[in-house]
Amino acid sequence: MNSNNYDFRREVYSDIVVEVVLAGRATSNEAEDFKNILSSDIDLGTRRLIVNLSACEYMDSAFTGAIVVSLRRISAVGGDLRLVGLQQGVRNMLELTRIIHQFDVFPNIEAAIESYGGQGSSGLRNNRLTIR
């Protein structure tokens, strides 16, 4: 594990967990840690998971793989993983590899939470709990 918890932040909105990638470049250096974070969320019972990539300008294949593995893992237990805030470079890479078609992608956190049938954006400010 080469990264640290400063590369990621966990937010909880009711029963929805949002893992925010703070690293501008998400590479193999961070991939294993992030996969472990997502696995831990799933092991703890999270079934509605959002990965917020709005700060991420570049994502390599190892980091992409960590997210895809986590999608398969959460899907196997009846859950779902959604992506938010794709920068153009990340979006282009996901489109080129056709991986983007495996995910529901949203422009912002409010839209992603609403897609789960959760509270609207007005309730987000009052119900957010930042864990790390």
Protein backbone atom coordinates (compact mmCIF):
# COMPACT_ATOMS: atom_id res chain seq x y z
CA MET A 1 0.00 0.00 0.00
CA ASN A 2 1.67 3.12 -1.21
CA SER A 3 -0.97 5.80 -0.75
CA ASN A 4 -2.47 7.23 2.39
CA ASN A 5 -5.94 8.11 3.61
CA TYR A 6 -5.39 11.68 2.44
CA ASP A 7 -6.02 10.42 -1.09
CA PHE A 8 -9.62 9.50 -0.21
CA ARG A 9 -12.51 10.80 1.88
CA ARG A 10 -15.58 8.83 2.97
CA GLU A 11 -18.95 10.55 3.24
CA VAL A 12 -22.20 8.96 4.34
CA TYR A 13 -25.65 10.14 3.30
CA SER A 14 -28.22 7.99 5.08
CA ASP A 15 -27.44 4.47 3.74
CA ILE A 16 -25.41 5.72 0.77
CA VAL A 17 -21.61 5.72 1.07
CA VAL A 18 -19.61 8.10 -1.10
CA GLU A 19 -15.91 7.48 -1.53
CA VAL A 20 -14.29 10.69 -2.78
CA VAL A 21 -11.03 10.30 -4.69
CA LEU A 22 -8.96 13.36 -3.79
CA ALA A 23 -5.91 12.41 -5.85
CA GLY A 24 -5.60 14.27 -9.14
CA ARG A 25 -3.89 11.20 -10.58
CA ALA A 26 -5.32 7.84 -9.56
CA THR A 27 -2.72 5.22 -10.42
CA SER A 28 -1.47 1.81 -9.39
CA ASN A 29 0.07 3.52 -6.35
CA GLU A 30 -3.43 4.16 -4.97
CA ALA A 31 -5.34 1.26 -6.57
CA GLU A 32 -4.79 -1.41 -3.91
CA ASP A 33 -5.67 0.94 -1.05
CA PHE A 34 -8.80 2.09 -2.83
CA LYS A 35 -9.87 -1.47 -3.63
CA ASN A 36 -9.43 -2.30 0.06
CA ILE A 37 -11.50 0.72 1.09
CA LEU A 38 -14.33 -0.26 -1.25
CA SER A 39 -14.11 -3.90 -0.12
CA SER A 40 -14.36 -2.79 3.49
CA ASP A 41 -17.46 -0.73 2.69
CA ILE A 42 -19.07 -3.77 1.04
CA ASP A 43 -18.04 -6.09 3.89
CA LEU A 44 -19.64 -3.68 6.37
CA GLY A 45 -22.97 -3.94 4.53
CA THR A 46 -22.91 -0.99 2.15
CA ARG A 47 -25.14 -1.72 -0.83
CA ARG A 48 -25.41 1.78 -2.30
CA LEU A 49 -21.96 3.09 -3.13
CA ILE A 50 -20.83 6.13 -5.11
CA VAL A 51 -17.29 6.88 -6.25
CA ASN A 52 -16.76 10.62 -6.66
CA LEU A 53 -14.01 11.27 -9.22
CA SER A 54 -14.54 15.02 -9.65
CA ALA A 55 -10.99 15.85 -8.44
CA CYS A 56 -9.38 13.12 -10.54
CA GLU A 57 -7.93 14.21 -13.89
CA TYR A 58 -6.18 10.93 -14.74
CA MET A 59 -6.91 7.31 -13.89
CA ASP A 60 -4.74 4.40 -15.01
CA SER A 61 -5.82 0.83 -15.78
CA ALA A 62 -4.91 -0.47 -12.32
CA PHE A 63 -7.14 2.07 -10.58
CA THR A 64 -9.90 1.46 -13.11
CA GLY A 65 -9.57 -2.25 -12.40
CA ALA A 66 -10.03 -1.64 -8.67
CA ILE A 67 -13.33 0.11 -9.36
CA VAL A 68 -14.52 -2.58 -11.80
CA VAL A 69 -13.67 -5.37 -9.32
CA SER A 70 -15.62 -3.49 -6.65
CA LEU A 71 -18.61 -3.09 -8.97
CA ARG A 72 -18.68 -6.84 -9.57
CA ARG A 73 -18.29 -7.55 -5.87
CA ILE A 74 -21.09 -5.23 -4.75
CA SER A 75 -23.36 -6.44 -7.59
CA ALA A 76 -22.88 -10.02 -6.40
CA VAL A 77 -24.44 -9.11 -3.04
CA GLY A 78 -27.33 -7.13 -4.53
CA GLY A 79 -25.76 -3.68 -4.36
CA ASP A 80 -24.71 -1.04 -6.86
CA LEU A 81 -21.75 1.26 -7.45
CA ARG A 82 -22.17 4.53 -9.36
CA LEU A 83 -19.65 7.09 -10.62
CA VAL A 84 -19.81 10.86 -10.23
CA GLY A 85 -17.96 13.83 -11.68
CA LEU A 86 -15.88 12.36 -14.48
CA GLN A 87 -13.27 14.77 -15.81
CA GLN A 88 -12.84 14.64 -19.59
CA GLY A 89 -9.62 12.61 -19.51
CA VAL A 90 -11.12 9.98 -17.22
CA ARG A 91 -14.34 9.88 -19.26
CA ASN A 92 -12.37 9.47 -22.50
CA MET A 93 -10.38 6.55 -21.08
CA LEU A 94 -13.52 4.82 -19.79
CA GLU A 95 -15.25 5.34 -23.15
CA LEU A 96 -12.26 4.12 -25.16
CA THR A 97 -12.11 0.90 -23.13
CA ARG A 98 -15.93 0.63 -23.13
CA ILE A 99 -15.85 0.22 -19.36
CA ILE A 100 -18.12 3.24 -18.98
CA HIS A 101 -21.08 1.11 -20.11
CA GLN A 102 -20.80 -0.97 -16.94
CA PHE A 103 -21.60 2.02 -14.72
CA ASP A 104 -24.34 4.52 -14.08
CA VAL A 105 -22.53 7.87 -14.36
CA PHE A 106 -23.80 11.18 -12.96
CA PRO A 107 -22.52 14.75 -13.26
CA ASN A 108 -22.73 15.50 -9.52
CA ILE A 109 -23.34 13.91 -6.14
CA GLU A 110 -26.87 15.26 -5.86
CA ALA A 111 -27.98 13.53 -9.08
CA ALA A 112 -26.34 10.25 -8.03
CA ILE A 113 -28.03 10.25 -4.62
CA GLU A 114 -31.40 11.14 -6.14
CA SER A 115 -30.96 8.24 -8.58
CA TYR A 116 -30.96 5.90 -5.59
CA GLY A 117 -34.29 7.34 -4.52
CA GLY A 118 -32.51 9.17 -1.72
CA GLN A 119 -33.11 12.64 -0.42
CA GLY A 120 -32.87 15.57 -2.80
CA SER A 121 -29.97 17.98 -2.83
CA SER A 122 -31.62 20.20 -0.21
CA GLY A 123 -31.29 17.39 2.33
CA LEU A 124 -27.67 16.64 1.57
CA ARG A 125 -26.18 19.42 3.61
CA ASN A 126 -28.06 18.33 6.72
CA ASN A 127 -27.43 14.59 6.46
CA ARG A 128 -23.79 14.34 5.41
CA LEU A 129 -21.36 12.65 7.73
CA THR A 130 -17.70 12.84 6.79
CA ILE A 131 -15.78 9.87 8.14
CA ARG A 132 -12.22 10.48 6.93
